[in-house]
Amino acid sequence: MIYPLEGEFLLIRGTRSFLLVTQADACFALCIETMEQEYCQTLEPHDLVAASAPEGGPLEPAVMLIEFVRKYRMPVTVLPRNHPGSKRFSYLVSAGPEIHTSCNIRRGTHPEQHLICSHDELSGMVLKGTARGVEIHHLPQEVTVLRLRYSLTVDSP
């Protein structure tokens, strides 16, 4: 099924977790930082930027992670596979033309941007960015999908 987006976020919510996704809206290079190297991949306007909250929580951190990548072009940091800090990541980000959700990976340790850690209730989905919006395959029946307009504003002093 395709969910049209017009500057909106798509919220895919389970009972214990959520995935927030939107389109990149511009062409830019996403830098990915690992302990061994830095590499960059190009994001196209219809590509996706997603934030996963495997334990649930407020939406604001997920929006911030997406905007760090999408608006401010912040690099994505990837930890080594056995890094003890990976279990403390409560929000994760991924970006690319296609994103797969998985509960069988260690959080924050996969530089492959087509893969994002999720709770098992959202695992197995495939999201694809298209000119018409977000195409979702294998959407679990027990989740809700909402389109949201969300902006982070900063008050001037």
Protein backbone atom coordinates (compact mmCIF):
# COMPACT_ATOMS: atom_id res chain seq x y z
CA MET A 1 0.00 0.00 0.00
CA ILE A 2 1.21 3.53 -0.76
CA TYR A 3 0.73 6.31 1.79
CA PRO A 4 0.97 9.76 0.18
CA LEU A 5 3.10 12.33 2.00
CA GLU A 6 3.11 16.07 1.44
CA GLY A 7 5.71 17.36 3.88
CA GLU A 8 4.31 15.06 6.55
CA PHE A 9 5.59 12.25 8.72
CA LEU A 10 4.11 8.78 8.68
CA LEU A 11 3.74 7.24 12.14
CA ILE A 12 3.55 3.46 12.27
CA ARG A 13 2.63 2.58 15.85
CA GLY A 14 2.40 -0.78 17.55
CA THR A 15 1.32 -1.36 21.13
CA ARG A 16 4.89 -1.05 22.50
CA SER A 17 6.94 0.70 19.80
CA PHE A 18 6.80 2.95 16.77
CA LEU A 19 8.50 3.86 13.52
CA LEU A 20 8.41 7.43 12.20
CA VAL A 21 9.24 7.98 8.53
CA THR A 22 9.29 10.80 6.00
CA GLN A 23 10.92 11.59 2.69
CA ALA A 24 14.35 13.23 2.37
CA ASP A 25 12.85 16.09 0.27
CA ALA A 26 16.25 16.97 -1.25
CA CYS A 27 19.29 15.42 -2.85
CA PHE A 28 22.26 15.29 -0.46
CA ALA A 29 25.10 13.10 0.77
CA LEU A 30 24.57 11.22 4.01
CA CYS A 31 27.87 10.49 5.74
CA ILE A 32 28.11 7.30 7.80
CA GLU A 33 30.84 7.15 10.45
CA THR A 34 32.19 3.83 11.69
CA MET A 35 35.27 3.18 13.84
CA GLU A 36 37.20 2.11 10.74
CA GLN A 37 36.01 4.46 8.01
CA GLU A 38 33.71 7.16 6.76
CA TYR A 39 31.63 6.69 3.67
CA CYS A 40 28.81 8.60 2.08
CA GLN A 41 25.67 7.63 0.21
CA THR A 42 23.47 9.89 -1.86
CA LEU A 43 19.91 10.45 -0.78
CA GLU A 44 17.36 11.49 -3.41
CA PRO A 45 14.25 13.61 -2.65
CA HIS A 46 11.89 10.59 -2.56
CA ASP A 47 14.23 8.46 -0.42
CA LEU A 48 13.18 7.81 3.16
CA VAL A 49 14.51 8.90 6.52
CA ALA A 50 13.14 6.81 9.38
CA ALA A 51 13.50 6.75 13.16
CA SER A 52 12.66 3.65 15.16
CA ALA A 53 11.72 3.56 18.82
CA PRO A 54 11.81 -0.16 19.72
CA GLU A 55 10.76 0.64 23.30
CA GLY A 56 8.27 3.38 22.44
CA GLY A 57 8.49 6.81 24.03
CA PRO A 58 7.75 10.38 22.99
CA LEU A 59 7.77 11.39 19.30
CA GLU A 60 10.07 14.42 19.71
CA PRO A 61 13.39 12.50 19.83
CA ALA A 62 12.40 10.59 16.67
CA VAL A 63 11.53 13.84 14.89
CA MET A 64 14.84 15.35 16.02
CA LEU A 65 16.86 12.39 14.72
CA ILE A 66 15.12 12.59 11.36
CA GLU A 67 15.67 16.34 11.12
CA PHE A 68 19.34 16.03 12.14
CA VAL A 69 19.79 13.91 9.03
CA ARG A 70 17.28 15.50 6.67
CA LYS A 71 17.58 19.19 7.46
CA TYR A 72 20.99 19.59 9.12
CA ARG A 73 22.86 16.79 7.24
CA MET A 74 24.38 15.38 10.43
CA PRO A 75 26.33 12.14 9.87
CA VAL A 76 25.08 8.81 11.17
CA THR A 77 27.34 7.14 13.75
CA VAL A 78 27.67 3.36 13.81
CA LEU A 79 29.18 1.52 16.79
CA PRO A 80 31.25 -1.67 16.58
CA ARG A 81 29.14 -4.85 16.85
CA ASN A 82 30.02 -5.62 20.49
CA HIS A 83 30.09 -2.05 21.81
CA PRO A 84 28.40 -1.94 25.25
CA GLY A 85 26.71 1.39 24.50
CA SER A 86 24.58 -0.04 21.69
CA LYS A 87 22.01 -1.38 24.15
CA ARG A 88 21.36 2.16 25.43
CA PHE A 89 20.12 3.47 22.07
CA SER A 90 16.39 3.96 22.51
CA TYR A 91 15.95 5.71 19.15
CA LEU A 92 17.65 4.77 15.87
CA VAL A 93 17.80 6.36 12.44
CA SER A 94 18.16 4.99 8.93
CA ALA A 95 17.93 6.56 5.47
CA GLY A 96 17.74 5.33 1.91
CA PRO A 97 15.45 4.40 -0.97
CA GLU A 98 14.26 1.28 0.88
CA ILE A 99 14.26 0.45 4.60
CA HIS A 100 13.69 -2.98 6.19
CA THR A 101 12.72 -3.32 9.86
CA SER A 102 14.33 -6.10 11.91
CA CYS A 103 14.33 -7.17 15.54
CA ASN A 104 17.27 -9.54 14.95
CA ILE A 105 20.05 -6.93 14.83
CA ARG A 106 21.99 -5.12 17.54
CA ARG A 107 20.99 -1.46 17.85
CA GLY A 108 23.26 1.14 16.27
CA THR A 109 25.79 -1.34 14.87
CA HIS A 110 24.67 -1.67 11.24
CA PRO A 111 26.09 0.79 8.72
CA GLU A 112 23.79 -0.64 6.04
CA GLN A 113 21.16 2.08 5.77
CA HIS A 114 18.50 -0.21 4.30
CA LEU A 115 18.18 -1.85 7.74
CA ILE A 116 16.75 -0.45 10.98
CA CYS A 117 16.30 -2.12 14.36
CA SER A 118 12.68 -2.40 15.48
CA HIS A 119 10.59 -4.14 18.10
CA ASP A 120 9.39 -7.56 16.99
CA GLU A 121 5.84 -6.21 16.55
CA LEU A 122 7.11 -4.04 13.65
CA SER A 123 9.75 -6.43 12.32
CA GLY A 124 9.67 -7.58 8.70
CA MET A 125 8.25 -4.45 7.10
CA VAL A 126 9.73 -3.07 3.89
CA LEU A 127 9.28 0.65 3.24
CA LYS A 128 10.09 2.19 -0.15
CA GLY A 129 10.21 5.85 -1.07
CA THR A 130 8.29 6.70 -4.25
CA ALA A 131 7.22 9.86 -6.06
CA ARG A 132 3.74 9.23 -4.64
CA GLY A 133 4.80 8.67 -1.00
CA VAL A 134 5.80 5.70 1.13
CA GLU A 135 5.07 2.20 -0.13
CA ILE A 136 4.81 -0.33 2.71
CA HIS A 137 4.98 -4.11 2.37
CA HIS A 138 4.28 -6.63 5.16
CA LEU A 139 2.51 -4.14 7.41
CA PRO A 140 1.39 -6.00 10.57
CA GLN A 141 -2.38 -6.00 11.06
CA GLU A 142 -2.27 -4.80 14.66
CA VAL A 143 -0.48 -1.48 13.97
CA THR A 144 -1.94 1.94 13.28
CA VAL A 145 -0.68 4.24 10.55
CA LEU A 146 -1.16 8.01 10.84
CA ARG A 147 0.06 10.96 8.79
CA LEU A 148 1.34 13.76 11.02
CA ARG A 149 2.41 17.33 10.50
CA TYR A 150 5.13 18.01 13.04
CA SER A 151 7.65 20.79 13.43
CA LEU A 152 10.19 21.60 16.07
CA THR A 153 10.22 25.30 16.84
CA VAL A 154 12.78 27.28 18.79
CA ASP A 155 11.80 30.35 20.74
CA SER A 156 14.01 33.37 20.08
CA PRO A 157 15.50 35.12 23.11
